[in-house]
Structure formats: structure tokens, C-alpha cells
Amino acid sequence: MRLSWRYKMVFLMLTAVIGAISVTWVLNRTFLEDYYLYSKLEVLHNAYQMVDSIVLLTEKENENKMIEEPSNEESNFMQFSEDSMLDLEIIATRNNLTILIVRDWFPVYYSTTNSDENNILFVMDRLMSYVYPGAKSAYNSYHKIKTVDNLYDIYEIYDKRTNSNFIELLQVDSESGNFMLLRTNVESLQANVTIANTFLAYAGIVVTAVVSLILFFATRSFARPLEELSKIATKMSHLDFAVKYPVKTKDEIGELGQSINLLSEKLEKTISDLKSANNQLQTDIEQKVQIDEMRKEFLSNVTHELKTPIAL
């Protein structure tokens, strides 16, 4: 079965679309989990830099306050300004983080995001499990993923109470009792990958269907002028040069139509000239034949007239 140019084009473009969706699906299934984890680590690192700058600024402000008010006992404890507290809350809220800052074994800041009593116990249990590694944790189990530039450690945490996973950034100075902990909740990565791939598969089916309809109707506008040109070429092959292609566009199809029209005019003129030349040649041949006949008749008469005297 011969397929038209239109159906070949639709098939080719659909193959490209399905191929692109398939490659995206494979890449998504293969690398999405790693990219998800990488994104979480980037969020933690950026948040750490912002929190650390706020902590350093607050420590400097507290040092100046202790110098100015040495008799004030409250100045011995790290205190965040209202602006610093607001900045920390914004960081925690926007990045969906739990932030805990401990100075001299005393918690000086804990983000209010999801900060109920159980969460506080969960975080403090995490710190105690770090300080006393031999102690069995009542709330969580963990393992280290990596250490970043000797600044902090990254852990993967499992909460036994809620059957949840977390990624945690922990900066520890056990000698001074200074800690900084940033934690973000991590859903089941494999579940997220499955959901994403399932959605991509359904979206790919919908996109393929929509693209098929668009291509089917869009290619009509390209196929129609080509069909007209094909019909004109067929008529030209039967020496019918009356039909011309109506040029409406200035694209390649329009240029092809103009070329077909020009070719038709030149062929018509050339064939007309050939017919005229052929007619003239036919006339000349007929005249030559007549002259030959006259010559033959003349020679025959002359021969006959000469034969009689010679015979006599």
C-alpha cells in the first residue's frame, strides 16, 4: 500500500514526539531520585549559609552588648533580635525546614514551623544520639551521607514514630556545646519517582493524541497545494497547458508553483514552435517530393523523345 507524503510526514513527526517522551520518561526514571536528593542538599546548603550569617551577626551583637552592659546577666545568653527571628522564620517557612540553634548546651532558637512538643523531643533526641553515640535512640535512626568542607555533616534520618524520612544538616562543636541543626522532610523518593513517571506516561499519551490531531489537520494545508501541483504536472504530461497554479504564498510551495507555471508556458511555446517547424518541414518535404516527381516525369519525357530519333 502506497502511503502519501502527508501520512509519511505525520508518522515521522509522531515518531519524533513519542521518542522524545520515551527518552524523557527513561531519564526521569533513572535520574529523578538523585536529582531530588541533590535539590534537597542544595536547599539545606543555601539555608545553612543564610542561618550561619544571621548567627554570626547575632553573636557579634551580643558580644558588644556584654561589653556595654557587663552586669546584665541576660546578656550572657545569646539573644536574637526581632528582625533576626523574623529572618530565621522566613528561611524555615520558605524552605520547609526545621531549624534548631544551641549555644552552650542551651537551645536559643527553634523554628516554629511544625514545632510541637513531639518534634522538639525528636530533635533533642537526635542531638543526644550524636553526643552519646552508644545510647539507643528512642525516636530515630540515622546514617551519615557526607561531610561538606569540614563545616557540617549531612545525614539521612528515619523517624520511627511517623515512619518518615528526613535529610539533615548538622554542625556540631561538642566541646563548647554549640549546635546548628537544619532538617527537611523527604517523602519516599521512589514513590515520588513512580508518581512522576506515571503522570509523564499519561501526559505523553494525551500529548501524542493532541499532536496527532494537530498534525493531521495541519498537514492538509501543506498536502493540498502539492496535490494540485501533481495534477497540473499530470496534465502537462498530456500536453494540456491550460491549467495554471494559483500562487498565494511566497514560501517554497509558492516558488514551486511559479516554476511549474513558467515551465508550462515555456513548454507550450516550445511545443508550439516545434509544431510550426514541423509543419514547415512537412511542407518543404511535400514540395521536394513534387519537384522530384516533376524531375522524374521530365526525364521520362525527355528520354522518350530522344529514343525515337535515335531509333530512326
Protein backbone atom coordinates (compact mmCIF):
# COMPACT_ATOMS: atom_id res chain seq x y z
CA MET A 1 0.00 0.00 0.00
CA ARG A 2 1.45 3.34 -1.07
CA LEU A 3 1.46 5.98 1.66
CA SER A 4 1.03 9.61 0.71
CA TRP A 5 3.52 12.30 1.66
CA ARG A 6 1.04 13.61 4.20
CA TYR A 7 0.77 10.37 6.15
CA LYS A 8 4.52 9.84 5.99
CA MET A 9 5.06 13.30 7.49
CA VAL A 10 2.52 12.66 10.26
CA PHE A 11 4.12 9.30 11.03
CA LEU A 12 7.62 10.81 11.13
CA MET A 13 6.65 13.66 13.44
CA LEU A 14 4.66 11.38 15.74
CA THR A 15 7.65 9.07 15.95
CA ALA A 16 9.80 12.04 16.98
CA VAL A 17 7.28 13.12 19.64
CA ILE A 18 6.89 9.62 21.07
CA GLY A 19 10.67 9.17 21.03
CA ALA A 20 11.20 12.42 22.93
CA ILE A 21 8.59 11.48 25.53
CA SER A 22 10.10 8.00 25.91
CA VAL A 23 13.62 9.39 26.40
CA THR A 24 12.28 11.87 28.95
CA TRP A 25 10.50 9.05 30.78
CA VAL A 26 13.66 6.94 30.93
CA LEU A 27 15.78 9.89 32.12
CA ASN A 28 13.13 10.76 34.67
CA ARG A 29 13.02 7.20 35.98
CA THR A 30 16.81 6.87 36.07
CA PHE A 31 17.96 10.23 37.43
CA LEU A 32 14.98 11.88 39.16
CA GLU A 33 15.69 10.32 42.55
CA ASP A 34 19.31 11.50 42.50
CA TYR A 35 18.28 14.95 41.32
CA TYR A 36 15.62 15.15 44.05
CA LEU A 37 18.22 14.38 46.69
CA TYR A 38 20.66 16.84 45.13
CA SER A 39 17.99 19.57 45.23
CA LYS A 40 17.32 18.88 48.91
CA LEU A 41 21.02 19.17 49.67
CA GLU A 42 21.21 22.45 47.77
CA VAL A 43 18.28 23.80 49.80
CA LEU A 44 19.99 22.81 53.03
CA HIS A 45 23.33 24.32 51.99
CA ASN A 46 21.83 27.66 50.94
CA ALA A 47 19.74 27.82 54.10
CA TYR A 48 22.82 26.99 56.21
CA GLN A 49 24.74 29.91 54.71
CA MET A 50 21.91 32.33 55.48
CA VAL A 51 21.35 30.99 59.01
CA ASP A 52 25.09 30.99 59.75
CA SER A 53 25.38 34.64 58.68
CA ILE A 54 22.47 35.55 61.00
CA VAL A 55 24.06 33.63 63.89
CA LEU A 56 27.45 35.30 63.37
CA LEU A 57 25.82 38.73 63.28
CA THR A 58 23.83 37.95 66.43
CA GLU A 59 26.92 36.70 68.27
CA LYS A 60 28.74 39.92 67.38
CA GLU A 61 25.78 42.00 68.61
CA ASN A 62 25.68 40.00 71.86
CA GLU A 63 29.41 40.49 72.39
CA ASN A 64 29.00 44.26 72.00
CA LYS A 65 26.06 44.17 74.39
CA MET A 66 28.11 42.30 77.02
CA ILE A 67 30.82 44.94 76.74
CA GLU A 68 28.30 47.74 77.14
CA GLU A 69 26.33 46.03 79.94
CA PRO A 70 28.69 43.65 81.77
CA SER A 71 26.44 43.48 84.85
CA ASN A 72 23.38 42.31 82.87
CA GLU A 73 23.08 38.54 83.38
CA GLU A 74 20.71 38.18 80.43
CA SER A 75 23.47 39.38 78.12
CA ASN A 76 25.37 36.17 78.88
CA PHE A 77 22.79 34.26 76.85
CA MET A 78 22.60 34.51 73.10
CA GLN A 79 19.58 36.57 72.13
CA PHE A 80 18.24 37.11 68.61
CA SER A 81 16.74 40.45 67.61
CA GLU A 82 13.18 40.58 66.29
CA ASP A 83 14.47 41.11 62.77
CA SER A 84 16.80 38.11 63.06
CA MET A 85 13.98 35.97 64.44
CA LEU A 86 11.78 37.00 61.52
CA ASP A 87 14.54 36.21 59.02
CA LEU A 88 15.02 32.76 60.55
CA GLU A 89 11.28 32.08 60.43
CA ILE A 90 11.16 33.14 56.77
CA ILE A 91 14.05 30.79 55.94
CA ALA A 92 12.36 27.92 57.77
CA THR A 93 8.94 28.54 56.22
CA ARG A 94 10.02 29.10 52.62
CA ASN A 95 12.28 26.06 52.57
CA ASN A 96 10.07 23.81 54.73
CA LEU A 97 12.86 23.41 57.29
CA THR A 98 13.13 22.73 60.98
CA ILE A 99 15.91 24.90 62.44
CA LEU A 100 17.48 24.39 65.87
CA ILE A 101 20.33 26.52 67.23
CA VAL A 102 22.03 25.51 70.51
CA ARG A 103 24.63 27.56 72.35
CA ASP A 104 26.44 26.28 75.47
CA TRP A 105 24.08 23.29 75.51
CA PHE A 106 21.11 25.63 75.67
CA PRO A 107 18.58 25.87 72.80
CA VAL A 108 18.48 29.55 71.86
CA TYR A 109 16.28 29.16 68.78
CA TYR A 110 13.83 26.59 67.46
CA SER A 111 11.74 27.33 64.39
CA THR A 112 8.01 27.41 65.00
CA THR A 113 7.33 25.53 61.75
CA ASN A 114 5.67 22.28 62.86
CA SER A 115 7.27 22.78 66.25
CA ASP A 116 5.07 20.78 68.56
CA GLU A 117 6.40 19.07 71.67
CA ASN A 118 6.99 15.74 69.91
CA ASN A 119 9.11 17.41 67.24
CA ILE A 120 11.21 19.16 69.86
CA LEU A 121 11.77 15.84 71.67
CA PHE A 122 12.61 14.25 68.33
CA VAL A 123 15.25 16.90 67.55
CA MET A 124 16.78 16.87 71.02
CA ASP A 125 16.92 13.07 70.92
CA ARG A 126 18.81 13.43 67.65
CA LEU A 127 21.39 15.71 69.30
CA MET A 128 21.78 13.40 72.28
CA SER A 129 22.31 10.44 69.96
CA TYR A 130 25.16 12.38 68.39
CA VAL A 131 26.74 13.38 71.70
CA TYR A 132 26.33 9.87 73.11
CA PRO A 133 26.67 7.55 70.11
CA GLY A 134 26.33 4.43 72.28
CA ALA A 135 22.91 5.46 73.53
CA LYS A 136 19.96 3.85 71.78
CA SER A 137 17.74 6.46 70.18
CA ALA A 138 14.09 6.30 71.14
CA TYR A 139 12.86 8.27 68.12
CA ASN A 140 15.12 7.86 65.14
CA SER A 141 17.88 6.03 63.35
CA TYR A 142 20.36 7.68 61.01
CA HIS A 143 23.42 7.30 58.85
CA LYS A 144 25.85 9.88 57.51
CA ILE A 145 25.73 10.70 53.81
CA LYS A 146 28.72 13.01 53.58
CA THR A 147 30.77 15.75 55.23
CA VAL A 148 30.93 19.12 53.47
CA ASP A 149 34.22 21.06 53.76
CA ASN A 150 34.52 20.16 57.46
CA LEU A 151 31.71 22.64 58.11
CA TYR A 152 28.82 20.27 58.66
CA ASP A 153 27.64 16.71 58.15
CA ILE A 154 24.68 15.50 56.09
CA TYR A 155 22.57 12.66 57.49
CA GLU A 156 19.64 10.63 56.33
CA ILE A 157 17.22 10.25 59.25
CA TYR A 158 14.39 7.81 59.79
CA ASP A 159 11.67 8.78 62.28
CA LYS A 160 10.36 5.61 63.93
CA ARG A 161 7.28 7.37 65.30
CA THR A 162 5.85 8.59 61.99
CA ASN A 163 7.64 6.25 59.58
CA SER A 164 9.08 9.34 57.83
CA ASN A 165 12.43 10.14 56.28
CA PHE A 166 14.44 13.33 56.68
CA ILE A 167 17.62 14.88 55.31
CA GLU A 168 19.53 16.71 58.00
CA LEU A 169 22.39 19.19 58.16
CA LEU A 170 24.21 19.09 61.48
CA GLN A 171 27.01 21.40 62.61
CA VAL A 172 28.50 20.34 65.94
CA ASP A 173 31.06 21.72 68.35
CA SER A 174 30.70 19.27 71.23
CA GLU A 175 33.43 20.93 73.31
CA SER A 176 31.58 24.25 73.54
CA GLY A 177 28.13 22.72 73.29
CA ASN A 178 27.28 24.67 70.14
CA PHE A 179 24.99 23.03 67.58
CA MET A 180 23.15 24.02 64.45
CA LEU A 181 20.62 21.62 63.00
CA LEU A 182 18.60 22.06 59.80
CA ARG A 183 16.19 19.34 58.77
CA THR A 184 13.87 18.93 55.79
CA ASN A 185 11.25 16.28 55.34
CA VAL A 186 11.82 13.85 52.49
CA GLU A 187 8.96 11.80 51.14
CA SER A 188 9.64 8.38 49.73
CA LEU A 189 11.82 9.17 46.75
CA GLN A 190 10.85 6.02 44.92
CA ALA A 191 7.16 6.84 45.42
CA ASN A 192 7.72 10.32 44.01
CA VAL A 193 9.57 8.88 41.02
CA THR A 194 6.74 6.42 40.40
CA ILE A 195 4.14 9.17 40.61
CA ALA A 196 6.16 11.44 38.32
CA ASN A 197 6.70 8.69 35.75
CA THR A 198 3.04 7.65 35.85
CA PHE A 199 1.97 11.24 35.30
CA LEU A 200 4.52 11.61 32.50
CA ALA A 201 3.18 8.46 30.83
CA TYR A 202 -0.43 9.72 30.93
CA ALA A 203 0.69 13.18 29.82
CA GLY A 204 2.63 11.60 26.96
CA ILE A 205 -0.48 9.75 25.78
CA VAL A 206 -2.54 12.95 25.87
CA VAL A 207 0.20 14.96 24.13
CA THR A 208 0.57 12.30 21.44
CA ALA A 209 -3.17 12.30 20.78
CA VAL A 210 -3.34 16.09 20.62
CA VAL A 211 -0.25 16.33 18.39
CA SER A 212 -1.73 13.65 16.11
CA LEU A 213 -4.88 15.71 15.56
CA ILE A 214 -2.89 18.92 15.05
CA LEU A 215 -0.55 17.25 12.56
CA PHE A 216 -3.42 15.55 10.72
CA PHE A 217 -5.17 18.85 10.07
CA ALA A 218 -2.04 20.98 9.75
CA THR A 219 -0.52 18.78 7.06
CA ARG A 220 -3.64 19.26 4.95
CA SER A 221 -2.59 22.83 4.27
CA PHE A 222 0.77 21.51 3.01
CA ALA A 223 -0.57 18.48 1.16
CA ARG A 224 -3.35 20.29 -0.74
CA PRO A 225 -1.09 22.56 -2.87
CA LEU A 226 1.21 19.62 -3.57
CA GLU A 227 -1.77 17.59 -4.79
CA GLU A 228 -2.77 20.49 -7.05
CA LEU A 229 0.75 20.72 -8.42
CA SER A 230 0.77 16.98 -9.03
CA LYS A 231 -2.47 17.21 -11.02
CA ILE A 232 -1.08 20.12 -13.08
CA ALA A 233 2.09 18.12 -13.80
CA THR A 234 -0.03 15.17 -14.93
CA LYS A 235 -1.99 17.38 -17.31
CA MET A 236 1.25 18.86 -18.60
CA SER A 237 2.44 15.33 -19.38
CA HIS A 238 -0.63 15.02 -21.64
CA LEU A 239 0.26 18.34 -23.31
CA ASP A 240 -2.52 20.23 -21.55
CA PHE A 241 -1.04 23.59 -20.59
CA ALA A 242 -4.27 25.47 -19.93
CA VAL A 243 -4.34 24.93 -16.12
CA LYS A 244 -2.11 27.20 -14.02
CA TYR A 245 -1.32 27.02 -10.32
CA PRO A 246 -2.79 29.98 -8.35
CA VAL A 247 0.20 31.29 -6.38
CA LYS A 248 -1.00 32.62 -2.99
CA THR A 249 2.11 32.39 -0.82
CA LYS A 250 5.76 33.38 -1.06
CA ASP A 251 7.15 30.25 0.55
CA GLU A 252 8.74 27.21 -1.10
CA ILE A 253 5.33 25.94 -2.29
CA GLY A 254 4.62 29.31 -3.94
CA GLU A 255 8.03 29.29 -5.62
CA LEU A 256 7.41 25.74 -6.85
CA GLY A 257 4.03 26.82 -8.25
CA GLN A 258 5.63 29.75 -10.08
CA SER A 259 8.28 27.40 -11.51
CA ILE A 260 5.58 24.97 -12.68
CA ASN A 261 3.66 27.81 -14.34
CA LEU A 262 6.82 29.12 -16.02
CA LEU A 263 7.74 25.61 -17.15
CA SER A 264 4.22 25.14 -18.54
CA GLU A 265 4.43 28.41 -20.51
CA LYS A 266 7.86 27.56 -21.92
CA LEU A 267 6.83 24.03 -22.81
CA GLU A 268 3.70 25.31 -24.51
CA LYS A 269 5.72 27.85 -26.51
CA THR A 270 8.42 25.31 -27.34
CA ILE A 271 5.90 22.70 -28.47
CA SER A 272 4.07 25.34 -30.50
CA ASP A 273 7.35 26.33 -32.17
CA LEU A 274 8.11 22.67 -32.79
CA LYS A 275 4.70 22.19 -34.38
CA SER A 276 5.27 25.21 -36.62
CA ALA A 277 8.71 23.97 -37.54
CA ASN A 278 7.30 20.51 -38.16
CA ASN A 279 4.55 21.90 -40.37
CA GLN A 280 7.10 23.94 -42.32
CA LEU A 281 9.32 20.89 -42.63
CA GLN A 282 6.36 18.84 -43.82
CA THR A 283 5.56 21.49 -46.43
CA ASP A 284 9.15 21.55 -47.57
CA ILE A 285 9.22 17.77 -47.85
CA GLU A 286 5.99 17.78 -49.87
CA GLN A 287 7.46 20.43 -52.20
CA LYS A 288 10.63 18.38 -52.58
CA VAL A 289 8.59 15.30 -53.41
CA GLN A 290 6.66 17.26 -56.02
CA ILE A 291 9.92 18.56 -57.51
CA ASP A 292 11.31 15.01 -57.56
CA GLU A 293 8.16 13.77 -59.30
CA MET A 294 8.38 16.61 -61.83
CA ARG A 295 12.04 15.85 -62.39
CA LYS A 296 11.30 12.18 -62.90
CA GLU A 297 8.44 12.99 -65.28
CA PHE A 298 10.64 15.43 -67.18
CA LEU A 299 13.43 12.89 -67.52
CA SER A 300 10.93 10.27 -68.63
CA ASN A 301 9.55 12.58 -71.32
CA VAL A 302 12.99 13.63 -72.45
CA THR A 303 14.13 10.04 -72.61
CA HIS A 304 11.07 9.08 -74.63
CA GLU A 305 11.56 11.96 -77.05
CA LEU A 306 15.21 11.10 -77.53
CA LYS A 307 14.57 7.42 -78.05
CA THR A 308 12.52 8.00 -81.27
CA PRO A 309 15.12 9.98 -83.25
CA ILE A 310 17.88 7.68 -82.14
CA ALA A 311 15.84 4.67 -83.25
CA LEU A 312 15.16 6.28 -86.63
